[in-house]
Amino acid sequence: MWQYHWLTWVVAPLAALVVETTLLPLLFPPGYVPDLVLATVVALALFESPVRGAALGAIAGLLVDLAAGRMWGLNLGVDAAVGAAVAVLQSKIVRDAVFVPGLVGALAQVVAHLLDWIATEAAGLHFALGVFMRPTPVWILFGLFFTPALVTLLGLRPRHEVDERLRF
């Protein structure tokens, strides 16, 4: 038994998508809106197995692709890869409630947007890498602060802590 039902994997990214598309454009200039759905995937994947992290990323990416209505599969593939990578990484790092999720969240923002650029180049849409990655400092700061806040807000705990709690 794990701490969240599979429906959480749909509701959390869907809520993040709604906030990302409605509220964040009011706070950030166009082109600088951080990827809140990706931060949600990272926060949840930090406490999942690699297969579950990839599935979570695929579900979240599919929701973003459906909302965007173009280049279907781009976010699905990138978010699934990031979810799996974060889930693999989580087994090799020390547990911390703030520092580690913040660093992983910031790194995931950069890696995911680099993968987005590579995918758009492969699809024949050519953007200069410097222009595409110009908002990187905003994305890093957002991942650095929002991911640990989300982990704390959702009350996520490492698998061994949850399994011990359920045994009693």
N, C-alpha and C. Protein backbone atom coordinates (compact mmCIF):
# COMPACT_ATOMS: atom_id res chain seq x y z
N MET A 1 0.84 -1.19 0.00
CA MET A 1 0.00 0.00 0.00
C MET A 1 0.88 1.24 0.00
N TRP A 2 0.60 2.16 -0.87
CA TRP A 2 1.40 3.37 -0.96
C TRP A 2 0.55 4.55 -0.53
N GLN A 3 1.15 5.69 -0.31
CA GLN A 3 0.47 6.78 0.36
C GLN A 3 -0.57 7.51 -0.49
N TYR A 4 -0.54 7.36 -1.78
CA TYR A 4 -1.52 8.05 -2.61
C TYR A 4 -2.19 7.10 -3.58
N HIS A 5 -3.45 7.34 -3.79
CA HIS A 5 -4.23 6.60 -4.76
C HIS A 5 -3.82 7.07 -6.16
N TRP A 6 -4.01 6.23 -7.17
CA TRP A 6 -3.62 6.60 -8.52
C TRP A 6 -4.36 7.84 -9.01
N LEU A 7 -5.53 8.11 -8.46
CA LEU A 7 -6.29 9.28 -8.86
C LEU A 7 -5.54 10.58 -8.51
N THR A 8 -4.70 10.53 -7.49
CA THR A 8 -3.88 11.67 -7.13
C THR A 8 -2.96 12.04 -8.28
N TRP A 9 -2.54 11.03 -9.03
CA TRP A 9 -1.66 11.27 -10.18
C TRP A 9 -2.35 12.05 -11.28
N VAL A 10 -3.66 12.01 -11.32
CA VAL A 10 -4.41 12.77 -12.32
C VAL A 10 -4.82 14.12 -11.74
N VAL A 11 -5.30 14.12 -10.50
CA VAL A 11 -5.81 15.35 -9.90
C VAL A 11 -4.69 16.35 -9.63
N ALA A 12 -3.56 15.92 -9.10
CA ALA A 12 -2.47 16.86 -8.78
C ALA A 12 -1.92 17.53 -10.05
N PRO A 13 -1.56 16.77 -11.11
CA PRO A 13 -1.11 17.45 -12.33
C PRO A 13 -2.20 18.29 -12.99
N LEU A 14 -3.45 17.85 -12.91
CA LEU A 14 -4.55 18.62 -13.49
C LEU A 14 -4.71 19.96 -12.75
N ALA A 15 -4.65 19.92 -11.43
CA ALA A 15 -4.72 21.16 -10.65
C ALA A 15 -3.52 22.06 -10.97
N ALA A 16 -2.34 21.46 -11.11
CA ALA A 16 -1.15 22.23 -11.47
C ALA A 16 -1.31 22.86 -12.86
N LEU A 17 -1.89 22.11 -13.78
CA LEU A 17 -2.12 22.63 -15.13
C LEU A 17 -3.08 23.81 -15.12
N VAL A 18 -4.13 23.71 -14.33
CA VAL A 18 -5.10 24.81 -14.24
C VAL A 18 -4.42 26.06 -13.68
N VAL A 19 -3.64 25.90 -12.63
CA VAL A 19 -2.94 27.05 -12.04
C VAL A 19 -1.90 27.60 -13.03
N GLU A 20 -1.19 26.69 -13.71
CA GLU A 20 -0.15 27.11 -14.66
C GLU A 20 -0.74 27.90 -15.83
N THR A 21 -1.92 27.55 -16.27
CA THR A 21 -2.49 28.21 -17.44
C THR A 21 -3.39 29.40 -17.09
N THR A 22 -3.81 29.51 -15.84
CA THR A 22 -4.70 30.62 -15.49
C THR A 22 -4.04 31.66 -14.58
N LEU A 23 -3.36 31.23 -13.53
CA LEU A 23 -2.81 32.17 -12.54
C LEU A 23 -1.38 32.61 -12.87
N LEU A 24 -0.52 31.66 -13.22
CA LEU A 24 0.89 32.01 -13.44
C LEU A 24 1.11 33.00 -14.58
N PRO A 25 0.32 32.98 -15.67
CA PRO A 25 0.52 34.02 -16.69
C PRO A 25 0.24 35.44 -16.19
N LEU A 26 -0.50 35.55 -15.10
CA LEU A 26 -0.73 36.87 -14.51
C LEU A 26 0.47 37.34 -13.69
N LEU A 27 1.28 36.40 -13.22
CA LEU A 27 2.42 36.72 -12.36
C LEU A 27 3.75 36.80 -13.11
N PHE A 28 3.85 36.09 -14.23
CA PHE A 28 5.11 36.03 -14.98
C PHE A 28 4.89 36.58 -16.38
N PRO A 29 5.93 37.20 -16.96
CA PRO A 29 5.79 37.70 -18.34
C PRO A 29 5.68 36.53 -19.33
N PRO A 30 5.12 36.78 -20.52
CA PRO A 30 5.01 35.70 -21.52
C PRO A 30 6.38 35.08 -21.84
N GLY A 31 6.40 33.77 -21.91
CA GLY A 31 7.64 33.05 -22.17
C GLY A 31 8.41 32.66 -20.93
N TYR A 32 8.08 33.26 -19.81
CA TYR A 32 8.79 33.00 -18.56
C TYR A 32 7.94 32.22 -17.55
N VAL A 33 6.78 31.78 -17.97
CA VAL A 33 5.90 31.04 -17.07
C VAL A 33 6.53 29.69 -16.75
N PRO A 34 6.79 29.40 -15.48
CA PRO A 34 7.42 28.14 -15.11
C PRO A 34 6.49 26.95 -15.35
N ASP A 35 7.10 25.79 -15.44
CA ASP A 35 6.36 24.55 -15.69
C ASP A 35 5.94 23.95 -14.35
N LEU A 36 4.76 24.32 -13.90
CA LEU A 36 4.23 23.86 -12.62
C LEU A 36 3.90 22.37 -12.65
N VAL A 37 3.47 21.89 -13.80
CA VAL A 37 3.14 20.46 -13.94
C VAL A 37 4.42 19.63 -13.77
N LEU A 38 5.50 20.09 -14.35
CA LEU A 38 6.77 19.37 -14.21
C LEU A 38 7.23 19.36 -12.75
N ALA A 39 7.06 20.48 -12.05
CA ALA A 39 7.43 20.52 -10.63
C ALA A 39 6.59 19.54 -9.82
N THR A 40 5.33 19.38 -10.20
CA THR A 40 4.46 18.41 -9.53
C THR A 40 4.92 16.99 -9.81
N VAL A 41 5.30 16.72 -11.05
CA VAL A 41 5.82 15.39 -11.41
C VAL A 41 7.07 15.09 -10.60
N VAL A 42 7.97 16.05 -10.49
CA VAL A 42 9.21 15.85 -9.74
C VAL A 42 8.91 15.60 -8.27
N ALA A 43 8.02 16.39 -7.69
CA ALA A 43 7.70 16.23 -6.27
C ALA A 43 7.13 14.85 -5.98
N LEU A 44 6.24 14.36 -6.84
CA LEU A 44 5.65 13.04 -6.62
C LEU A 44 6.61 11.91 -6.98
N ALA A 45 7.39 12.09 -8.04
CA ALA A 45 8.32 11.03 -8.48
C ALA A 45 9.47 10.83 -7.51
N LEU A 46 9.76 11.83 -6.69
CA LEU A 46 10.82 11.67 -5.68
C LEU A 46 10.48 10.57 -4.68
N PHE A 47 9.22 10.17 -4.64
CA PHE A 47 8.80 9.17 -3.66
C PHE A 47 8.17 7.96 -4.33
N GLU A 48 8.53 7.70 -5.59
CA GLU A 48 7.96 6.60 -6.36
C GLU A 48 9.06 5.72 -6.94
N SER A 49 8.66 4.57 -7.45
CA SER A 49 9.58 3.69 -8.17
C SER A 49 9.75 4.24 -9.58
N PRO A 50 10.79 3.81 -10.32
CA PRO A 50 11.00 4.33 -11.67
C PRO A 50 9.83 4.09 -12.62
N VAL A 51 9.21 2.93 -12.54
CA VAL A 51 8.07 2.65 -13.43
C VAL A 51 6.90 3.56 -13.09
N ARG A 52 6.64 3.72 -11.81
CA ARG A 52 5.54 4.60 -11.39
C ARG A 52 5.88 6.06 -11.68
N GLY A 53 7.14 6.46 -11.57
CA GLY A 53 7.55 7.82 -11.91
C GLY A 53 7.35 8.10 -13.39
N ALA A 54 7.69 7.12 -14.23
CA ALA A 54 7.48 7.28 -15.68
C ALA A 54 6.00 7.35 -16.01
N ALA A 55 5.20 6.51 -15.36
CA ALA A 55 3.75 6.54 -15.61
C ALA A 55 3.15 7.87 -15.16
N LEU A 56 3.58 8.35 -14.02
CA LEU A 56 3.11 9.64 -13.51
C LEU A 56 3.47 10.75 -14.49
N GLY A 57 4.72 10.75 -14.97
CA GLY A 57 5.14 11.76 -15.93
C GLY A 57 4.37 11.67 -17.24
N ALA A 58 4.08 10.44 -17.68
CA ALA A 58 3.31 10.27 -18.91
C ALA A 58 1.89 10.80 -18.76
N ILE A 59 1.27 10.53 -17.63
CA ILE A 59 -0.09 11.04 -17.39
C ILE A 59 -0.09 12.57 -17.37
N ALA A 60 0.85 13.15 -16.64
CA ALA A 60 0.92 14.61 -16.54
C ALA A 60 1.26 15.23 -17.89
N GLY A 61 2.20 14.63 -18.61
CA GLY A 61 2.57 15.15 -19.93
C GLY A 61 1.43 15.06 -20.92
N LEU A 62 0.65 13.98 -20.86
CA LEU A 62 -0.50 13.84 -21.73
C LEU A 62 -1.53 14.93 -21.45
N LEU A 63 -1.74 15.24 -20.17
CA LEU A 63 -2.68 16.32 -19.82
C LEU A 63 -2.21 17.66 -20.40
N VAL A 64 -0.91 17.92 -20.32
CA VAL A 64 -0.37 19.17 -20.88
C VAL A 64 -0.51 19.18 -22.39
N ASP A 65 -0.20 18.06 -23.03
CA ASP A 65 -0.33 17.97 -24.48
C ASP A 65 -1.77 18.18 -24.93
N LEU A 66 -2.72 17.60 -24.22
CA LEU A 66 -4.12 17.77 -24.56
C LEU A 66 -4.56 19.23 -24.39
N ALA A 67 -4.04 19.89 -23.36
CA ALA A 67 -4.39 21.30 -23.14
C ALA A 67 -3.74 22.20 -24.19
N ALA A 68 -2.51 21.87 -24.59
CA ALA A 68 -1.80 22.70 -25.57
C ALA A 68 -2.39 22.54 -26.97
N GLY A 69 -2.76 21.31 -27.31
CA GLY A 69 -3.37 21.06 -28.61
C GLY A 69 -2.40 21.03 -29.77
N ARG A 70 -1.12 20.96 -29.51
CA ARG A 70 -0.13 20.88 -30.58
C ARG A 70 1.04 20.03 -30.12
N MET A 71 1.74 19.48 -31.08
CA MET A 71 2.91 18.61 -30.84
C MET A 71 2.60 17.56 -29.78
N TRP A 72 1.54 16.81 -30.00
CA TRP A 72 1.15 15.77 -29.05
C TRP A 72 2.29 14.78 -28.87
N GLY A 73 2.57 14.45 -27.66
CA GLY A 73 3.62 13.51 -27.33
C GLY A 73 4.88 14.18 -26.83
N LEU A 74 5.05 15.47 -27.09
CA LEU A 74 6.26 16.17 -26.64
C LEU A 74 6.35 16.17 -25.12
N ASN A 75 5.36 16.71 -24.46
CA ASN A 75 5.38 16.74 -23.00
C ASN A 75 5.22 15.36 -22.40
N LEU A 76 4.46 14.49 -23.06
CA LEU A 76 4.30 13.12 -22.58
C LEU A 76 5.66 12.45 -22.48
N GLY A 77 6.45 12.53 -23.54
CA GLY A 77 7.77 11.89 -23.55
C GLY A 77 8.75 12.53 -22.58
N VAL A 78 8.79 13.86 -22.58
CA VAL A 78 9.74 14.57 -21.72
C VAL A 78 9.39 14.36 -20.25
N ASP A 79 8.12 14.53 -19.90
CA ASP A 79 7.72 14.37 -18.49
C ASP A 79 7.87 12.93 -18.02
N ALA A 80 7.61 11.96 -18.91
CA ALA A 80 7.81 10.55 -18.54
C ALA A 80 9.28 10.27 -18.30
N ALA A 81 10.15 10.81 -19.15
CA ALA A 81 11.60 10.61 -18.97
C ALA A 81 12.09 11.26 -17.69
N VAL A 82 11.62 12.47 -17.41
CA VAL A 82 12.03 13.16 -16.18
C VAL A 82 11.48 12.43 -14.96
N GLY A 83 10.23 11.99 -15.01
CA GLY A 83 9.65 11.25 -13.89
C GLY A 83 10.42 9.98 -13.58
N ALA A 84 10.79 9.24 -14.63
CA ALA A 84 11.57 8.01 -14.43
C ALA A 84 12.96 8.33 -13.90
N ALA A 85 13.61 9.35 -14.45
CA ALA A 85 14.96 9.71 -14.01
C ALA A 85 14.97 10.16 -12.55
N VAL A 86 13.98 10.95 -12.17
CA VAL A 86 13.90 11.42 -10.77
C VAL A 86 13.65 10.24 -9.84
N ALA A 87 12.80 9.31 -10.26
CA ALA A 87 12.51 8.14 -9.43
C ALA A 87 13.74 7.24 -9.28
N VAL A 88 14.54 7.12 -10.34
CA VAL A 88 15.79 6.36 -10.24
C VAL A 88 16.76 7.09 -9.34
N LEU A 89 16.86 8.39 -9.50
CA LEU A 89 17.77 9.21 -8.70
C LEU A 89 17.42 9.19 -7.22
N GLN A 90 16.13 9.15 -6.90
CA GLN A 90 15.71 9.23 -5.50
C GLN A 90 16.23 8.08 -4.67
N SER A 91 16.48 6.93 -5.29
CA SER A 91 16.98 5.79 -4.52
C SER A 91 18.47 5.93 -4.20
N LYS A 92 19.14 6.88 -4.84
CA LYS A 92 20.57 7.04 -4.66
C LYS A 92 20.98 8.29 -3.90
N ILE A 93 19.99 9.06 -3.43
CA ILE A 93 20.31 10.30 -2.73
C ILE A 93 19.79 10.25 -1.30
N VAL A 94 20.34 11.11 -0.51
CA VAL A 94 19.95 11.21 0.89
C VAL A 94 18.59 11.90 0.97
N ARG A 95 17.77 11.47 1.90
CA ARG A 95 16.44 12.06 2.08
C ARG A 95 16.55 13.38 2.84
N ASP A 96 15.88 14.36 2.30
CA ASP A 96 15.82 15.66 2.93
C ASP A 96 14.51 16.29 2.50
N ALA A 97 13.86 17.00 3.36
CA ALA A 97 12.53 17.53 3.04
C ALA A 97 12.58 18.80 2.18
N VAL A 98 13.70 19.52 2.20
CA VAL A 98 13.74 20.80 1.51
C VAL A 98 14.86 20.86 0.48
N PHE A 99 16.08 20.62 0.90
CA PHE A 99 17.24 20.84 0.04
C PHE A 99 17.25 19.95 -1.19
N VAL A 100 17.10 18.65 -1.01
CA VAL A 100 17.16 17.71 -2.14
C VAL A 100 16.01 17.92 -3.12
N PRO A 101 14.75 18.01 -2.66
CA PRO A 101 13.68 18.27 -3.65
C PRO A 101 13.88 19.58 -4.39
N GLY A 102 14.41 20.59 -3.73
CA GLY A 102 14.66 21.87 -4.40
C GLY A 102 15.69 21.75 -5.49
N LEU A 103 16.80 21.10 -5.18
CA LEU A 103 17.85 20.92 -6.19
C LEU A 103 17.38 20.05 -7.35
N VAL A 104 16.71 18.96 -7.04
CA VAL A 104 16.22 18.08 -8.09
C VAL A 104 15.16 18.79 -8.93
N GLY A 105 14.29 19.57 -8.28
CA GLY A 105 13.28 20.33 -9.01
C GLY A 105 13.89 21.36 -9.95
N ALA A 106 14.91 22.06 -9.49
CA ALA A 106 15.58 23.06 -10.33
C ALA A 106 16.29 22.39 -11.50
N LEU A 107 17.00 21.30 -11.22
CA LEU A 107 17.70 20.57 -12.28
C LEU A 107 16.72 19.99 -13.30
N ALA A 108 15.60 19.49 -12.82
CA ALA A 108 14.59 18.91 -13.72
C ALA A 108 14.01 19.98 -14.66
N GLN A 109 13.83 21.19 -14.17
CA GLN A 109 13.33 22.27 -15.03
C GLN A 109 14.28 22.51 -16.20
N VAL A 110 15.57 22.55 -15.92
CA VAL A 110 16.57 22.80 -16.97
C VAL A 110 16.63 21.63 -17.94
N VAL A 111 16.72 20.42 -17.41
CA VAL A 111 16.83 19.23 -18.27
C VAL A 111 15.59 19.08 -19.14
N ALA A 112 14.42 19.26 -18.56
CA ALA A 112 13.17 19.10 -19.32
C ALA A 112 13.09 20.12 -20.45
N HIS A 113 13.49 21.35 -20.20
CA HIS A 113 13.41 22.35 -21.25
C HIS A 113 14.48 22.14 -22.31
N LEU A 114 15.63 21.60 -21.94
CA LEU A 114 16.61 21.20 -22.96
C LEU A 114 16.06 20.07 -23.82
N LEU A 115 15.40 19.10 -23.20
CA LEU A 115 14.77 18.02 -23.97
C LEU A 115 13.66 18.56 -24.86
N ASP A 116 12.91 19.55 -24.38
CA ASP A 116 11.90 20.19 -25.22
C ASP A 116 12.54 20.81 -26.46
N TRP A 117 13.66 21.50 -26.28
CA TRP A 117 14.35 22.13 -27.40
C TRP A 117 14.84 21.08 -28.39
N ILE A 118 15.40 20.00 -27.89
CA ILE A 118 15.88 18.93 -28.77
C ILE A 118 14.72 18.34 -29.56
N ALA A 119 13.59 18.12 -28.90
CA ALA A 119 12.42 17.55 -29.57
C ALA A 119 11.86 18.51 -30.62
N THR A 120 11.84 19.80 -30.32
CA THR A 120 11.33 20.75 -31.32
C THR A 120 12.28 20.86 -32.50
N GLU A 121 13.58 20.77 -32.26
CA GLU A 121 14.54 20.76 -33.36
C GLU A 121 14.35 19.52 -34.22
N ALA A 122 14.14 18.37 -33.59
CA ALA A 122 13.92 17.13 -34.33
C ALA A 122 12.62 17.18 -35.13
N ALA A 123 11.63 17.94 -34.64
CA ALA A 123 10.36 18.07 -35.34
C ALA A 123 10.41 19.10 -36.46
N GLY A 124 11.54 19.77 -36.61
CA GLY A 124 11.68 20.73 -37.69
C GLY A 124 11.36 22.16 -37.31
N LEU A 125 11.11 22.42 -36.05
CA LEU A 125 10.90 23.79 -35.58
C LEU A 125 12.21 24.29 -35.02
N HIS A 126 12.79 25.28 -35.66
CA HIS A 126 14.13 25.72 -35.28
C HIS A 126 14.08 27.00 -34.46
N PHE A 127 14.58 26.88 -33.24
CA PHE A 127 14.71 28.01 -32.34
C PHE A 127 16.17 28.08 -31.91
N ALA A 128 16.67 29.27 -31.73
CA ALA A 128 18.03 29.42 -31.20
C ALA A 128 18.02 28.97 -29.74
N LEU A 129 19.00 28.15 -29.37
CA LEU A 129 19.05 27.62 -28.01
C LEU A 129 19.11 28.74 -26.97
N GLY A 130 19.85 29.80 -27.25
CA GLY A 130 19.95 30.92 -26.31
C GLY A 130 18.62 31.59 -26.06
N VAL A 131 17.83 31.76 -27.11
CA VAL A 131 16.52 32.38 -26.98
C VAL A 131 15.57 31.43 -26.25
N PHE A 132 15.63 30.16 -26.60
CA PHE A 132 14.75 29.16 -26.00
C PHE A 132 15.01 29.02 -24.50
N MET A 133 16.27 29.11 -24.10
CA MET A 133 16.65 28.89 -22.70
C MET A 133 16.81 30.20 -21.91
N ARG A 134 16.44 31.34 -22.48
CA ARG A 134 16.59 32.62 -21.79
C ARG A 134 15.89 32.65 -20.43
N PRO A 135 14.69 32.06 -20.28
CA PRO A 135 14.03 32.12 -18.96
C PRO A 135 14.58 31.12 -17.95
N THR A 136 15.68 30.47 -18.22
CA THR A 136 16.22 29.43 -17.34
C THR A 136 16.37 29.88 -15.88
N PRO A 137 16.89 31.08 -15.59
CA PRO A 137 17.00 31.47 -14.17
C PRO A 137 15.64 31.50 -13.44
N VAL A 138 14.59 31.92 -14.13
CA VAL A 138 13.26 31.94 -13.52
C VAL A 138 12.81 30.51 -13.25
N TRP A 139 13.02 29.60 -14.22
CA TRP A 139 12.63 28.21 -14.06
C TRP A 139 13.39 27.55 -12.92
N ILE A 140 14.69 27.86 -12.82
CA ILE A 140 15.51 27.27 -11.75
C ILE A 140 15.01 27.73 -10.38
N LEU A 141 14.79 29.02 -10.24
CA LEU A 141 14.32 29.54 -8.95
C LEU A 141 12.95 28.97 -8.60
N PHE A 142 12.08 28.85 -9.59
CA PHE A 142 10.76 28.30 -9.34
C PHE A 142 10.87 26.84 -8.88
N GLY A 143 11.66 26.04 -9.58
CA GLY A 143 11.85 24.64 -9.19
C GLY A 143 12.50 24.51 -7.83
N LEU A 144 13.44 25.42 -7.56
CA LEU A 144 14.18 25.39 -6.30
C LEU A 144 13.27 25.64 -5.10
N PHE A 145 12.28 26.51 -5.25
CA PHE A 145 11.41 26.85 -4.13
C PHE A 145 10.07 26.13 -4.14
N PHE A 146 9.50 25.91 -5.32
CA PHE A 146 8.16 25.34 -5.37
C PHE A 146 8.15 23.84 -5.09
N THR A 147 9.12 23.10 -5.59
CA THR A 147 9.12 21.65 -5.40
C THR A 147 9.16 21.26 -3.92
N PRO A 148 10.06 21.83 -3.10
CA PRO A 148 10.01 21.49 -1.67
C PRO A 148 8.72 21.95 -1.00
N ALA A 149 8.16 23.08 -1.45
CA ALA A 149 6.89 23.53 -0.89
C ALA A 149 5.78 22.54 -1.19
N LEU A 150 5.78 22.00 -2.40
CA LEU A 150 4.77 21.02 -2.78
C LEU A 150 4.94 19.72 -2.00
N VAL A 151 6.18 19.29 -1.80
CA VAL A 151 6.45 18.08 -1.01
C VAL A 151 5.92 18.25 0.41
N THR A 152 6.16 19.41 0.99
CA THR A 152 5.68 19.69 2.34
C THR A 152 4.15 19.81 2.37
N LEU A 153 3.58 20.51 1.39
CA LEU A 153 2.14 20.71 1.33
C LEU A 153 1.38 19.39 1.20
N LEU A 154 1.90 18.48 0.36
CA LEU A 154 1.25 17.19 0.17
C LEU A 154 1.59 16.18 1.27
N GLY A 155 2.55 16.52 2.11
CA GLY A 155 2.93 15.63 3.21
C GLY A 155 3.58 14.35 2.72
N LEU A 156 4.35 14.44 1.64
CA LEU A 156 5.00 13.25 1.08
C LEU A 156 6.08 12.74 2.01
N ARG A 157 6.16 11.44 2.14
CA ARG A 157 7.14 10.78 3.00
C ARG A 157 7.82 9.67 2.22
N PRO A 158 9.07 9.37 2.56
CA PRO A 158 9.75 8.25 1.91
C PRO A 158 8.99 6.94 2.12
N ARG A 159 9.14 6.05 1.18
CA ARG A 159 8.42 4.78 1.18
C ARG A 159 8.65 3.99 2.47
N HIS A 160 9.88 3.96 2.98
CA HIS A 160 10.13 3.17 4.18
C HIS A 160 9.39 3.73 5.40
N GLU A 161 9.23 5.06 5.47
CA GLU A 161 8.48 5.65 6.59
C GLU A 161 7.00 5.30 6.48
N VAL A 162 6.45 5.34 5.30
CA VAL A 162 5.03 5.05 5.10
C VAL A 162 4.77 3.58 5.35
N ASP A 163 5.65 2.69 4.85
CA ASP A 163 5.47 1.25 5.05
C ASP A 163 5.52 0.89 6.53
N GLU A 164 6.40 1.53 7.30
CA GLU A 164 6.47 1.26 8.74
C GLU A 164 5.21 1.73 9.45
N ARG A 165 4.67 2.86 9.03
CA ARG A 165 3.46 3.41 9.63
C ARG A 165 2.26 2.49 9.37
N LEU A 166 2.21 1.89 8.19
CA LEU A 166 1.08 1.04 7.82
C LEU A 166 1.15 -0.33 8.48
N ARG A 167 2.33 -0.75 8.89
CA ARG A 167 2.48 -2.06 9.54
C ARG A 167 1.81 -2.12 10.90
N PHE A 168 1.76 -1.01 11.58
CA PHE A 168 1.23 -1.00 12.95
C PHE A 168 -0.23 -0.75 12.99
